[in-house]
Amino acid sequence: GTNGKGSTIAFMRQLFQAHGLRVGNFVSPHMVSVHDRICIDSQPISDHDFQHYLQKVYDLEKEVAARYEPFRYFEVMVLIMFLYFQDQPLDVALVEVGIGGLLDTTNVVAPALSVITSIGMDHQDLLGLTLGEIAEQKAGIIKENVPVVLGPLSPETTAICRQIALDKQAPVYQFGQEFTYKAGQFSNTDIDLSELVLGLAGHHQEENA
């Protein structure tokens, strides 16, 4: 999504951890340290582990140097994350897209769930000059038969995402349609929850949650 990705991952991480699951998460950019991008149960990757997996990535880069261009910074970070998570007994991995979706480095995953928080006019030099073109890039994370959650999108971007989901037979759950949340109350076709308190301040966090 254009906005809200980090907050949505924060909510999901805390929810899964509260249920006793071991959770890895990858976000960008970082706020303080580059280690903050790669966490397990809210703990950033250690200096030792970061250096260990960074060396593995550099060794891999040497192996493929004759066939591929040097890895970009974001690609290095994604590779470190995948290698680190692969060696950990994780129950869930929450992976934030860098730019767009369709062509993003993170889009090699086979997810259990895809989430598009919002779609706006950003990175137009890379994603397209119109909202429709950008929506097609964002919707590139939608996979065959994998459920997708959509935030409160515009009619135009909703139509694009739903059509791509339909083509891929991916079930859709959209804020304001299949489920709602407002003023501490969540509801969908199965449950109604009230008096919920969000851990992040601001009315906009209702949409992110």
N, C-alpha and C. Protein backbone atom coordinates (compact mmCIF):
# COMPACT_ATOMS: atom_id res chain seq x y z
N GLY A 1 0.81 -1.21 0.00
CA GLY A 1 0.00 0.00 0.00
C GLY A 1 0.84 1.25 0.00
N THR A 2 0.21 2.37 -0.32
CA THR A 2 0.92 3.65 -0.32
C THR A 2 1.23 4.11 1.10
N ASN A 3 0.26 4.01 1.99
CA ASN A 3 0.45 4.41 3.38
C ASN A 3 -0.11 3.31 4.29
N GLY A 4 0.39 3.31 5.53
CA GLY A 4 -0.20 2.44 6.54
C GLY A 4 0.40 1.06 6.68
N LYS A 5 1.35 0.71 5.79
CA LYS A 5 1.89 -0.66 5.82
C LYS A 5 2.56 -0.98 7.15
N GLY A 6 3.41 -0.05 7.62
CA GLY A 6 4.14 -0.30 8.86
C GLY A 6 3.21 -0.45 10.05
N SER A 7 2.18 0.39 10.12
CA SER A 7 1.23 0.31 11.23
C SER A 7 0.44 -0.99 11.18
N THR A 8 0.02 -1.39 9.97
CA THR A 8 -0.72 -2.64 9.83
C THR A 8 0.13 -3.83 10.27
N ILE A 9 1.40 -3.83 9.91
CA ILE A 9 2.28 -4.91 10.34
C ILE A 9 2.46 -4.88 11.85
N ALA A 10 2.55 -3.69 12.43
CA ALA A 10 2.68 -3.59 13.89
C ALA A 10 1.47 -4.19 14.59
N PHE A 11 0.27 -3.90 14.11
CA PHE A 11 -0.94 -4.48 14.69
C PHE A 11 -0.94 -6.01 14.54
N MET A 12 -0.61 -6.48 13.36
CA MET A 12 -0.62 -7.93 13.11
C MET A 12 0.43 -8.63 13.97
N ARG A 13 1.60 -8.03 14.09
CA ARG A 13 2.67 -8.63 14.90
C ARG A 13 2.22 -8.81 16.35
N GLN A 14 1.65 -7.74 16.91
CA GLN A 14 1.22 -7.81 18.31
C GLN A 14 0.08 -8.81 18.50
N LEU A 15 -0.81 -8.88 17.50
CA LEU A 15 -1.92 -9.82 17.58
C LEU A 15 -1.42 -11.27 17.58
N PHE A 16 -0.52 -11.58 16.66
CA PHE A 16 0.01 -12.95 16.59
C PHE A 16 0.84 -13.29 17.83
N GLN A 17 1.66 -12.34 18.28
CA GLN A 17 2.48 -12.60 19.46
C GLN A 17 1.62 -12.82 20.70
N ALA A 18 0.51 -12.09 20.79
CA ALA A 18 -0.39 -12.26 21.93
C ALA A 18 -1.00 -13.65 21.97
N HIS A 19 -1.04 -14.31 20.80
CA HIS A 19 -1.55 -15.68 20.72
C HIS A 19 -0.43 -16.71 20.82
N GLY A 20 0.76 -16.26 21.23
CA GLY A 20 1.85 -17.18 21.47
C GLY A 20 2.63 -17.62 20.25
N LEU A 21 2.43 -16.94 19.12
CA LEU A 21 3.14 -17.32 17.91
C LEU A 21 4.49 -16.60 17.83
N ARG A 22 5.45 -17.25 17.21
CA ARG A 22 6.77 -16.65 16.98
C ARG A 22 6.71 -15.94 15.63
N VAL A 23 6.93 -14.63 15.64
CA VAL A 23 6.65 -13.79 14.48
C VAL A 23 7.90 -13.07 13.98
N GLY A 24 8.19 -13.23 12.71
CA GLY A 24 9.23 -12.43 12.08
C GLY A 24 8.58 -11.32 11.28
N ASN A 25 9.21 -10.15 11.25
CA ASN A 25 8.66 -9.08 10.41
C ASN A 25 9.78 -8.29 9.74
N PHE A 26 9.45 -7.87 8.51
CA PHE A 26 10.39 -7.10 7.69
C PHE A 26 9.70 -5.82 7.25
N VAL A 27 10.30 -4.66 7.54
CA VAL A 27 9.71 -3.37 7.18
C VAL A 27 10.79 -2.49 6.57
N SER A 28 10.35 -1.44 5.88
CA SER A 28 11.26 -0.43 5.35
C SER A 28 10.49 0.87 5.16
N PRO A 29 11.19 2.00 5.33
CA PRO A 29 12.58 2.11 5.79
C PRO A 29 12.66 1.93 7.29
N HIS A 30 13.86 1.95 7.85
CA HIS A 30 14.02 1.84 9.29
C HIS A 30 13.97 3.23 9.93
N MET A 31 13.60 3.27 11.20
CA MET A 31 13.48 4.54 11.91
C MET A 31 14.80 4.96 12.56
N VAL A 32 15.53 3.98 13.14
CA VAL A 32 16.76 4.30 13.87
C VAL A 32 17.94 3.51 13.30
N SER A 33 17.87 2.18 13.40
CA SER A 33 18.95 1.31 12.96
C SER A 33 18.47 0.41 11.83
N VAL A 34 19.37 0.07 10.92
CA VAL A 34 19.03 -0.83 9.82
C VAL A 34 18.58 -2.19 10.35
N HIS A 35 19.03 -2.55 11.55
CA HIS A 35 18.63 -3.82 12.15
C HIS A 35 17.13 -3.86 12.44
N ASP A 36 16.51 -2.67 12.60
CA ASP A 36 15.08 -2.61 12.92
C ASP A 36 14.21 -3.12 11.78
N ARG A 37 14.77 -3.23 10.58
CA ARG A 37 13.99 -3.72 9.44
C ARG A 37 13.65 -5.20 9.59
N ILE A 38 14.50 -5.94 10.29
CA ILE A 38 14.36 -7.40 10.38
C ILE A 38 14.26 -7.79 11.85
N CYS A 39 13.08 -8.21 12.27
CA CYS A 39 12.85 -8.52 13.69
C CYS A 39 12.20 -9.88 13.85
N ILE A 40 12.43 -10.49 15.01
CA ILE A 40 11.70 -11.67 15.43
C ILE A 40 11.15 -11.40 16.83
N ASP A 41 9.85 -11.54 16.97
CA ASP A 41 9.17 -11.21 18.23
C ASP A 41 9.58 -9.84 18.74
N SER A 42 9.57 -8.88 17.82
CA SER A 42 9.84 -7.46 18.10
C SER A 42 11.30 -7.16 18.43
N GLN A 43 12.18 -8.16 18.37
CA GLN A 43 13.59 -7.95 18.64
C GLN A 43 14.38 -7.87 17.34
N PRO A 44 15.08 -6.75 17.11
CA PRO A 44 15.85 -6.60 15.87
C PRO A 44 16.94 -7.66 15.75
N ILE A 45 17.31 -7.99 14.53
CA ILE A 45 18.39 -8.90 14.28
C ILE A 45 19.66 -8.39 14.96
N SER A 46 20.44 -9.27 15.54
CA SER A 46 21.66 -8.87 16.25
C SER A 46 22.76 -8.47 15.26
N ASP A 47 23.76 -7.74 15.77
CA ASP A 47 24.90 -7.37 14.93
C ASP A 47 25.58 -8.62 14.38
N HIS A 48 25.74 -9.63 15.24
CA HIS A 48 26.41 -10.86 14.83
C HIS A 48 25.66 -11.54 13.70
N ASP A 49 24.34 -11.71 13.87
CA ASP A 49 23.54 -12.37 12.84
C ASP A 49 23.49 -11.54 11.56
N PHE A 50 23.39 -10.23 11.71
CA PHE A 50 23.36 -9.36 10.52
C PHE A 50 24.63 -9.53 9.70
N GLN A 51 25.78 -9.49 10.37
CA GLN A 51 27.05 -9.64 9.67
C GLN A 51 27.18 -11.03 9.05
N HIS A 52 26.69 -12.04 9.77
CA HIS A 52 26.75 -13.42 9.27
C HIS A 52 25.98 -13.57 7.96
N TYR A 53 24.75 -13.07 7.94
CA TYR A 53 23.93 -13.22 6.74
C TYR A 53 24.33 -12.24 5.64
N LEU A 54 24.87 -11.10 6.02
CA LEU A 54 25.39 -10.18 5.02
C LEU A 54 26.55 -10.83 4.26
N GLN A 55 27.40 -11.54 4.97
CA GLN A 55 28.51 -12.24 4.32
C GLN A 55 27.98 -13.31 3.37
N LYS A 56 26.92 -14.01 3.79
CA LYS A 56 26.31 -15.01 2.91
C LYS A 56 25.79 -14.38 1.63
N VAL A 57 25.18 -13.21 1.75
CA VAL A 57 24.66 -12.51 0.57
C VAL A 57 25.80 -12.08 -0.34
N TYR A 58 26.88 -11.56 0.24
CA TYR A 58 28.02 -11.15 -0.57
C TYR A 58 28.64 -12.36 -1.28
N ASP A 59 28.72 -13.50 -0.60
CA ASP A 59 29.24 -14.71 -1.23
C ASP A 59 28.36 -15.15 -2.40
N LEU A 60 27.05 -15.03 -2.20
CA LEU A 60 26.11 -15.37 -3.27
C LEU A 60 26.28 -14.43 -4.45
N GLU A 61 26.47 -13.15 -4.16
CA GLU A 61 26.65 -12.16 -5.22
C GLU A 61 27.87 -12.49 -6.07
N LYS A 62 28.93 -12.94 -5.43
CA LYS A 62 30.14 -13.32 -6.18
C LYS A 62 29.86 -14.50 -7.11
N GLU A 63 29.05 -15.44 -6.63
CA GLU A 63 28.75 -16.64 -7.42
C GLU A 63 28.00 -16.29 -8.70
N VAL A 64 27.14 -15.30 -8.63
CA VAL A 64 26.29 -14.97 -9.79
C VAL A 64 26.74 -13.71 -10.51
N ALA A 65 27.91 -13.19 -10.16
CA ALA A 65 28.38 -11.91 -10.70
C ALA A 65 28.50 -11.92 -12.22
N ALA A 66 28.85 -13.06 -12.79
CA ALA A 66 29.04 -13.13 -14.23
C ALA A 66 27.72 -13.06 -14.99
N ARG A 67 26.61 -13.37 -14.31
CA ARG A 67 25.32 -13.43 -14.99
C ARG A 67 24.38 -12.29 -14.62
N TYR A 68 24.60 -11.68 -13.46
CA TYR A 68 23.65 -10.66 -12.98
C TYR A 68 24.37 -9.39 -12.56
N GLU A 69 23.63 -8.30 -12.54
CA GLU A 69 24.15 -7.03 -12.04
C GLU A 69 24.35 -7.14 -10.52
N PRO A 70 25.19 -6.28 -9.95
CA PRO A 70 25.37 -6.29 -8.49
C PRO A 70 24.04 -6.06 -7.78
N PHE A 71 23.86 -6.69 -6.64
CA PHE A 71 22.63 -6.53 -5.87
C PHE A 71 22.47 -5.09 -5.41
N ARG A 72 21.24 -4.60 -5.47
CA ARG A 72 20.94 -3.28 -4.93
C ARG A 72 20.73 -3.37 -3.42
N TYR A 73 20.77 -2.22 -2.76
CA TYR A 73 20.67 -2.18 -1.30
C TYR A 73 19.43 -2.92 -0.79
N PHE A 74 18.27 -2.60 -1.38
CA PHE A 74 17.03 -3.23 -0.90
C PHE A 74 17.05 -4.72 -1.15
N GLU A 75 17.62 -5.15 -2.26
CA GLU A 75 17.72 -6.58 -2.54
C GLU A 75 18.59 -7.28 -1.52
N VAL A 76 19.66 -6.64 -1.10
CA VAL A 76 20.54 -7.20 -0.06
C VAL A 76 19.76 -7.38 1.24
N MET A 77 18.98 -6.36 1.60
CA MET A 77 18.21 -6.44 2.85
C MET A 77 17.17 -7.56 2.78
N VAL A 78 16.52 -7.69 1.65
CA VAL A 78 15.50 -8.74 1.49
C VAL A 78 16.15 -10.12 1.57
N LEU A 79 17.30 -10.29 0.95
CA LEU A 79 18.00 -11.57 1.00
C LEU A 79 18.44 -11.90 2.42
N ILE A 80 18.95 -10.93 3.16
CA ILE A 80 19.32 -11.15 4.55
C ILE A 80 18.11 -11.60 5.34
N MET A 81 16.98 -10.94 5.13
CA MET A 81 15.75 -11.30 5.83
C MET A 81 15.33 -12.73 5.52
N PHE A 82 15.30 -13.10 4.25
CA PHE A 82 14.87 -14.45 3.88
C PHE A 82 15.81 -15.51 4.47
N LEU A 83 17.10 -15.29 4.40
CA LEU A 83 18.06 -16.26 4.92
C LEU A 83 17.94 -16.38 6.44
N TYR A 84 17.79 -15.25 7.10
CA TYR A 84 17.64 -15.23 8.57
C TYR A 84 16.37 -15.94 9.00
N PHE A 85 15.25 -15.59 8.37
CA PHE A 85 13.98 -16.22 8.72
C PHE A 85 14.00 -17.72 8.41
N GLN A 86 14.67 -18.11 7.33
CA GLN A 86 14.73 -19.52 6.95
C GLN A 86 15.36 -20.37 8.05
N ASP A 87 16.29 -19.79 8.79
CA ASP A 87 17.00 -20.53 9.83
C ASP A 87 16.31 -20.45 11.20
N GLN A 88 15.18 -19.77 11.28
CA GLN A 88 14.49 -19.59 12.55
C GLN A 88 13.19 -20.40 12.57
N PRO A 89 12.79 -20.89 13.75
CA PRO A 89 11.51 -21.62 13.86
C PRO A 89 10.33 -20.66 13.97
N LEU A 90 9.99 -20.02 12.85
CA LEU A 90 8.92 -19.02 12.85
C LEU A 90 7.56 -19.67 12.60
N ASP A 91 6.54 -19.08 13.19
CA ASP A 91 5.16 -19.46 12.88
C ASP A 91 4.59 -18.58 11.78
N VAL A 92 4.98 -17.29 11.81
CA VAL A 92 4.45 -16.32 10.86
C VAL A 92 5.56 -15.36 10.44
N ALA A 93 5.59 -15.00 9.17
CA ALA A 93 6.49 -13.95 8.68
C ALA A 93 5.65 -12.85 8.04
N LEU A 94 5.81 -11.63 8.51
CA LEU A 94 5.11 -10.47 7.97
C LEU A 94 6.10 -9.67 7.14
N VAL A 95 5.87 -9.59 5.84
CA VAL A 95 6.84 -9.01 4.92
C VAL A 95 6.23 -7.80 4.22
N GLU A 96 6.82 -6.64 4.46
CA GLU A 96 6.34 -5.40 3.84
C GLU A 96 6.98 -5.19 2.48
N VAL A 97 6.16 -4.87 1.50
CA VAL A 97 6.65 -4.57 0.15
C VAL A 97 7.45 -3.27 0.18
N GLY A 98 8.47 -3.19 -0.68
CA GLY A 98 9.26 -1.96 -0.76
C GLY A 98 8.57 -0.90 -1.59
N ILE A 99 8.49 -1.12 -2.91
CA ILE A 99 7.83 -0.19 -3.82
C ILE A 99 6.92 -0.97 -4.76
N GLY A 100 5.68 -0.55 -4.83
CA GLY A 100 4.73 -1.18 -5.75
C GLY A 100 4.27 -2.53 -5.24
N GLY A 101 4.68 -3.58 -5.94
CA GLY A 101 4.25 -4.92 -5.56
C GLY A 101 4.61 -5.93 -6.62
N LEU A 102 4.10 -5.73 -7.82
CA LEU A 102 4.28 -6.69 -8.90
C LEU A 102 5.75 -7.01 -9.14
N LEU A 103 6.59 -5.99 -9.24
CA LEU A 103 8.00 -6.18 -9.57
C LEU A 103 8.91 -6.01 -8.35
N ASP A 104 8.33 -5.94 -7.16
CA ASP A 104 9.13 -5.74 -5.96
C ASP A 104 9.90 -7.00 -5.60
N THR A 105 11.06 -6.82 -5.02
CA THR A 105 11.92 -7.95 -4.64
C THR A 105 11.22 -8.92 -3.70
N THR A 106 10.35 -8.40 -2.83
CA THR A 106 9.68 -9.26 -1.85
C THR A 106 8.62 -10.16 -2.49
N ASN A 107 8.26 -9.90 -3.74
CA ASN A 107 7.11 -10.59 -4.34
C ASN A 107 7.44 -12.00 -4.83
N VAL A 108 8.51 -12.56 -4.33
CA VAL A 108 8.82 -13.97 -4.63
C VAL A 108 8.17 -14.90 -3.61
N VAL A 109 7.58 -14.34 -2.55
CA VAL A 109 7.00 -15.17 -1.50
C VAL A 109 5.72 -15.85 -1.99
N ALA A 110 5.41 -16.96 -1.32
CA ALA A 110 4.13 -17.64 -1.53
C ALA A 110 3.32 -17.41 -0.26
N PRO A 111 2.56 -16.33 -0.21
CA PRO A 111 1.93 -15.92 1.05
C PRO A 111 0.69 -16.72 1.42
N ALA A 112 0.37 -16.68 2.71
CA ALA A 112 -0.91 -17.22 3.18
C ALA A 112 -1.99 -16.17 3.06
N LEU A 113 -1.58 -14.89 3.03
CA LEU A 113 -2.51 -13.76 2.96
C LEU A 113 -1.78 -12.57 2.37
N SER A 114 -2.47 -11.81 1.52
CA SER A 114 -1.93 -10.57 0.97
C SER A 114 -2.77 -9.40 1.50
N VAL A 115 -2.13 -8.26 1.73
CA VAL A 115 -2.82 -7.08 2.26
C VAL A 115 -2.42 -5.85 1.45
N ILE A 116 -3.40 -5.09 0.98
CA ILE A 116 -3.16 -3.80 0.33
C ILE A 116 -3.85 -2.74 1.18
N THR A 117 -3.07 -1.92 1.86
CA THR A 117 -3.63 -0.98 2.82
C THR A 117 -4.26 0.24 2.14
N SER A 118 -3.58 0.78 1.14
CA SER A 118 -4.08 1.98 0.46
C SER A 118 -3.36 2.12 -0.88
N ILE A 119 -3.92 2.92 -1.76
CA ILE A 119 -3.30 3.15 -3.07
C ILE A 119 -3.40 4.64 -3.40
N GLY A 120 -2.25 5.27 -3.58
CA GLY A 120 -2.23 6.69 -3.90
C GLY A 120 -1.16 6.98 -4.95
N MET A 121 -0.99 8.24 -5.27
CA MET A 121 -0.04 8.65 -6.29
C MET A 121 1.36 8.75 -5.69
N ASP A 122 2.13 7.67 -5.79
CA ASP A 122 3.50 7.70 -5.30
C ASP A 122 4.41 6.91 -6.23
N HIS A 123 5.71 7.25 -6.23
CA HIS A 123 6.72 6.57 -7.06
C HIS A 123 6.26 6.47 -8.52
N GLN A 124 5.72 7.59 -9.02
CA GLN A 124 5.16 7.58 -10.38
C GLN A 124 6.22 7.30 -11.44
N ASP A 125 7.48 7.59 -11.14
CA ASP A 125 8.54 7.31 -12.10
C ASP A 125 8.78 5.82 -12.27
N LEU A 126 8.34 5.04 -11.27
CA LEU A 126 8.54 3.59 -11.31
C LEU A 126 7.25 2.81 -11.51
N LEU A 127 6.14 3.35 -11.00
CA LEU A 127 4.89 2.57 -10.97
C LEU A 127 3.87 2.98 -12.03
N GLY A 128 4.01 4.17 -12.59
CA GLY A 128 3.03 4.62 -13.58
C GLY A 128 2.53 6.02 -13.27
N LEU A 129 1.98 6.67 -14.28
CA LEU A 129 1.56 8.06 -14.15
C LEU A 129 0.11 8.22 -13.71
N THR A 130 -0.66 7.15 -13.75
CA THR A 130 -2.06 7.23 -13.36
C THR A 130 -2.34 6.34 -12.16
N LEU A 131 -3.44 6.62 -11.48
CA LEU A 131 -3.82 5.82 -10.32
C LEU A 131 -4.11 4.38 -10.73
N GLY A 132 -4.68 4.22 -11.92
CA GLY A 132 -4.97 2.87 -12.40
C GLY A 132 -3.71 2.06 -12.63
N GLU A 133 -2.69 2.68 -13.21
CA GLU A 133 -1.42 1.98 -13.44
C GLU A 133 -0.76 1.60 -12.12
N ILE A 134 -0.81 2.52 -11.16
CA ILE A 134 -0.23 2.24 -9.84
C ILE A 134 -0.99 1.12 -9.15
N ALA A 135 -2.32 1.13 -9.28
CA ALA A 135 -3.14 0.07 -8.67
C ALA A 135 -2.78 -1.30 -9.24
N GLU A 136 -2.52 -1.37 -10.54
CA GLU A 136 -2.14 -2.64 -11.15
C GLU A 136 -0.82 -3.15 -10.59
N GLN A 137 0.10 -2.23 -10.32
CA GLN A 137 1.38 -2.62 -9.71
C GLN A 137 1.17 -3.12 -8.27
N LYS A 138 0.38 -2.38 -7.50
CA LYS A 138 0.11 -2.78 -6.11
C LYS A 138 -0.59 -4.13 -6.06
N ALA A 139 -1.54 -4.32 -6.96
CA ALA A 139 -2.31 -5.57 -6.99
C ALA A 139 -1.48 -6.74 -7.49
N GLY A 140 -0.25 -6.49 -7.89
CA GLY A 140 0.63 -7.56 -8.33
C GLY A 140 0.99 -8.54 -7.23
N ILE A 141 0.70 -8.19 -5.97
CA ILE A 141 0.98 -9.13 -4.88
C ILE A 141 -0.15 -10.14 -4.71
N ILE A 142 -1.27 -9.94 -5.39
CA ILE A 142 -2.39 -10.88 -5.29
C ILE A 142 -2.01 -12.17 -6.00
N LYS A 143 -2.16 -13.29 -5.30
CA LYS A 143 -1.74 -14.59 -5.83
C LYS A 143 -2.95 -15.50 -6.07
N GLU A 144 -2.73 -16.51 -6.88
CA GLU A 144 -3.78 -17.48 -7.18
C GLU A 144 -4.32 -18.12 -5.90
N ASN A 145 -5.63 -18.00 -5.69
CA ASN A 145 -6.34 -18.67 -4.59
C ASN A 145 -5.89 -18.24 -3.19
N VAL A 146 -5.16 -17.12 -3.09
CA VAL A 146 -4.70 -16.62 -1.79
C VAL A 146 -5.57 -15.43 -1.38
N PRO A 147 -6.20 -15.47 -0.19
CA PRO A 147 -7.05 -14.36 0.23
C PRO A 147 -6.30 -13.03 0.24
N VAL A 148 -7.02 -11.95 -0.08
CA VAL A 148 -6.43 -10.62 -0.05
C VAL A 148 -7.34 -9.70 0.75
N VAL A 149 -6.73 -8.90 1.62
CA VAL A 149 -7.45 -7.89 2.40
C VAL A 149 -7.16 -6.53 1.80
N LEU A 150 -8.21 -5.77 1.52
CA LEU A 150 -8.07 -4.44 0.94
C LEU A 150 -8.49 -3.39 1.94
N GLY A 151 -7.74 -2.31 2.00
CA GLY A 151 -8.13 -1.17 2.83
C GLY A 151 -9.22 -0.37 2.15
N PRO A 152 -9.52 0.82 2.67
CA PRO A 152 -10.58 1.67 2.08
C PRO A 152 -10.09 2.36 0.81
N LEU A 153 -10.16 1.66 -0.30
CA LEU A 153 -9.66 2.17 -1.57
C LEU A 153 -10.72 2.98 -2.31
N SER A 154 -10.29 3.74 -3.30
CA SER A 154 -11.21 4.49 -4.16
C SER A 154 -11.98 3.51 -5.04
N PRO A 155 -13.11 3.95 -5.61
CA PRO A 155 -13.86 3.06 -6.52
C PRO A 155 -13.01 2.54 -7.67
N GLU A 156 -12.16 3.41 -8.24
CA GLU A 156 -11.33 2.99 -9.38
C GLU A 156 -10.34 1.91 -8.97
N THR A 157 -9.61 2.13 -7.87
CA THR A 157 -8.60 1.16 -7.47
C THR A 157 -9.24 -0.11 -6.90
N THR A 158 -10.41 0.04 -6.27
CA THR A 158 -11.14 -1.14 -5.80
C THR A 158 -11.51 -2.04 -6.97
N ALA A 159 -12.02 -1.44 -8.04
CA ALA A 159 -12.44 -2.22 -9.21
C ALA A 159 -11.26 -2.97 -9.81
N ILE A 160 -10.11 -2.32 -9.89
CA ILE A 160 -8.93 -2.96 -10.47
C ILE A 160 -8.47 -4.13 -9.60
N CYS A 161 -8.39 -3.90 -8.29
CA CYS A 161 -7.93 -4.95 -7.39
C CYS A 161 -8.90 -6.13 -7.36
N ARG A 162 -10.19 -5.83 -7.34
CA ARG A 162 -11.18 -6.91 -7.30
C ARG A 162 -11.18 -7.70 -8.61
N GLN A 163 -10.95 -7.05 -9.74
CA GLN A 163 -10.92 -7.77 -11.00
C GLN A 163 -9.71 -8.71 -11.06
N ILE A 164 -8.56 -8.21 -10.60
CA ILE A 164 -7.36 -9.05 -10.58
C ILE A 164 -7.55 -10.22 -9.62
N ALA A 165 -8.17 -9.95 -8.48
CA ALA A 165 -8.45 -11.02 -7.53
C ALA A 165 -9.42 -12.04 -8.12
N LEU A 166 -10.42 -11.56 -8.84
CA LEU A 166 -11.39 -12.46 -9.49
C LEU A 166 -10.69 -13.34 -10.51
N ASP A 167 -9.82 -12.74 -11.31
CA ASP A 167 -9.09 -13.49 -12.33
C ASP A 167 -8.24 -14.59 -11.70
N LYS A 168 -7.75 -14.33 -10.49
CA LYS A 168 -6.87 -15.29 -9.82
C LYS A 168 -7.61 -16.12 -8.77
N GLN A 169 -8.94 -15.97 -8.74
CA GLN A 169 -9.78 -16.71 -7.79
C GLN A 169 -9.30 -16.52 -6.35
N ALA A 170 -8.93 -15.29 -6.04
CA ALA A 170 -8.46 -14.94 -4.70
C ALA A 170 -9.62 -14.30 -3.92
N PRO A 171 -10.02 -14.88 -2.80
CA PRO A 171 -11.09 -14.28 -1.99
C PRO A 171 -10.71 -12.87 -1.52
N VAL A 172 -11.68 -11.96 -1.52
CA VAL A 172 -11.43 -10.56 -1.17
C VAL A 172 -12.18 -10.20 0.10
N TYR A 173 -11.48 -9.50 1.01
CA TYR A 173 -12.09 -8.97 2.23
C TYR A 173 -11.68 -7.49 2.30
N GLN A 174 -12.66 -6.60 2.12
CA GLN A 174 -12.34 -5.18 2.04
C GLN A 174 -12.97 -4.39 3.18
N PHE A 175 -12.16 -3.47 3.71
CA PHE A 175 -12.62 -2.55 4.74
C PHE A 175 -13.84 -1.78 4.21
N GLY A 176 -14.90 -1.74 4.99
CA GLY A 176 -16.10 -1.02 4.60
C GLY A 176 -17.08 -1.86 3.81
N GLN A 177 -16.67 -3.07 3.44
CA GLN A 177 -17.58 -3.94 2.70
C GLN A 177 -17.73 -5.29 3.40
N GLU A 178 -16.71 -6.13 3.30
CA GLU A 178 -16.79 -7.43 3.98
C GLU A 178 -16.60 -7.30 5.50
N PHE A 179 -15.97 -6.22 5.94
CA PHE A 179 -15.82 -5.98 7.38
C PHE A 179 -15.71 -4.48 7.63
N THR A 180 -15.99 -4.09 8.87
CA THR A 180 -15.91 -2.68 9.25
C THR A 180 -15.27 -2.55 10.63
N TYR A 181 -14.69 -1.38 10.87
CA TYR A 181 -14.16 -1.07 12.20
C TYR A 181 -14.30 0.42 12.42
N LYS A 182 -14.94 0.79 13.51
CA LYS A 182 -15.09 2.21 13.83
C LYS A 182 -15.36 2.37 15.31
N ALA A 183 -14.64 3.32 15.92
CA ALA A 183 -14.87 3.68 17.32
C ALA A 183 -14.87 2.46 18.24
N GLY A 184 -13.89 1.59 18.02
CA GLY A 184 -13.76 0.45 18.93
C GLY A 184 -14.62 -0.74 18.63
N GLN A 185 -15.33 -0.73 17.51
CA GLN A 185 -16.20 -1.86 17.17
C GLN A 185 -15.84 -2.44 15.81
N PHE A 186 -15.58 -3.76 15.81
CA PHE A 186 -15.27 -4.50 14.60
C PHE A 186 -16.41 -5.44 14.29
N SER A 187 -16.76 -5.54 13.01
CA SER A 187 -17.82 -6.48 12.66
C SER A 187 -17.62 -7.01 11.24
N ASN A 188 -17.99 -8.27 11.04
CA ASN A 188 -18.07 -8.86 9.71
C ASN A 188 -19.25 -9.82 9.71
N THR A 189 -19.30 -10.71 8.75
CA THR A 189 -20.47 -11.59 8.65
C THR A 189 -20.51 -12.64 9.75
N ASP A 190 -19.38 -12.82 10.46
CA ASP A 190 -19.31 -13.88 11.46
C ASP A 190 -19.31 -13.38 12.90
N ILE A 191 -18.67 -12.23 13.16
CA ILE A 191 -18.52 -11.78 14.54
C ILE A 191 -18.75 -10.29 14.68
N ASP A 192 -19.04 -9.88 15.91
CA ASP A 192 -19.11 -8.48 16.29
C ASP A 192 -18.32 -8.31 17.58
N LEU A 193 -17.33 -7.43 17.55
CA LEU A 193 -16.51 -7.16 18.72
C LEU A 193 -16.63 -5.69 19.07
N SER A 194 -16.76 -5.40 20.34
CA SER A 194 -16.92 -4.00 20.76
C SER A 194 -15.90 -3.67 21.86
N GLU A 195 -15.78 -2.38 22.14
CA GLU A 195 -14.89 -1.86 23.17
C GLU A 195 -13.43 -2.24 22.91
N LEU A 196 -13.05 -2.30 21.65
CA LEU A 196 -11.65 -2.57 21.30
C LEU A 196 -10.84 -1.28 21.43
N VAL A 197 -9.64 -1.42 21.94
CA VAL A 197 -8.75 -0.27 22.11
C VAL A 197 -7.49 -0.51 21.29
N LEU A 198 -7.17 0.40 20.38
CA LEU A 198 -5.98 0.26 19.55
C LEU A 198 -4.74 0.74 20.30
N GLY A 199 -3.61 0.11 20.01
CA GLY A 199 -2.37 0.47 20.67
C GLY A 199 -1.66 1.65 20.04
N LEU A 200 -2.15 2.13 18.90
CA LEU A 200 -1.59 3.30 18.23
C LEU A 200 -2.65 4.39 18.16
N ALA A 201 -2.24 5.63 18.43
CA ALA A 201 -3.19 6.74 18.49
C ALA A 201 -3.51 7.28 17.11
N GLY A 202 -4.70 7.87 16.98
CA GLY A 202 -5.10 8.51 15.73
C GLY A 202 -6.23 7.77 15.05
N HIS A 203 -7.21 8.53 14.54
CA HIS A 203 -8.36 7.91 13.88
C HIS A 203 -7.94 7.13 12.63
N HIS A 204 -6.85 7.57 11.97
CA HIS A 204 -6.41 6.88 10.76
C HIS A 204 -5.94 5.47 11.06
N GLN A 205 -5.58 5.21 12.33
CA GLN A 205 -5.11 3.87 12.67
C GLN A 205 -6.25 2.84 12.66
N GLU A 206 -7.48 3.31 12.70
CA GLU A 206 -8.60 2.38 12.58
C GLU A 206 -8.55 1.69 11.22
N GLU A 207 -8.21 2.44 10.18
CA GLU A 207 -8.10 1.85 8.85
C GLU A 207 -6.90 0.93 8.76
N ASN A 208 -5.79 1.32 9.38
CA ASN A 208 -4.60 0.48 9.34
C ASN A 208 -4.80 -0.83 10.10
N ALA A 209 -5.58 -0.77 11.17
CA ALA A 209 -5.82 -1.97 11.98
C ALA A 209 -6.77 -2.93 11.28
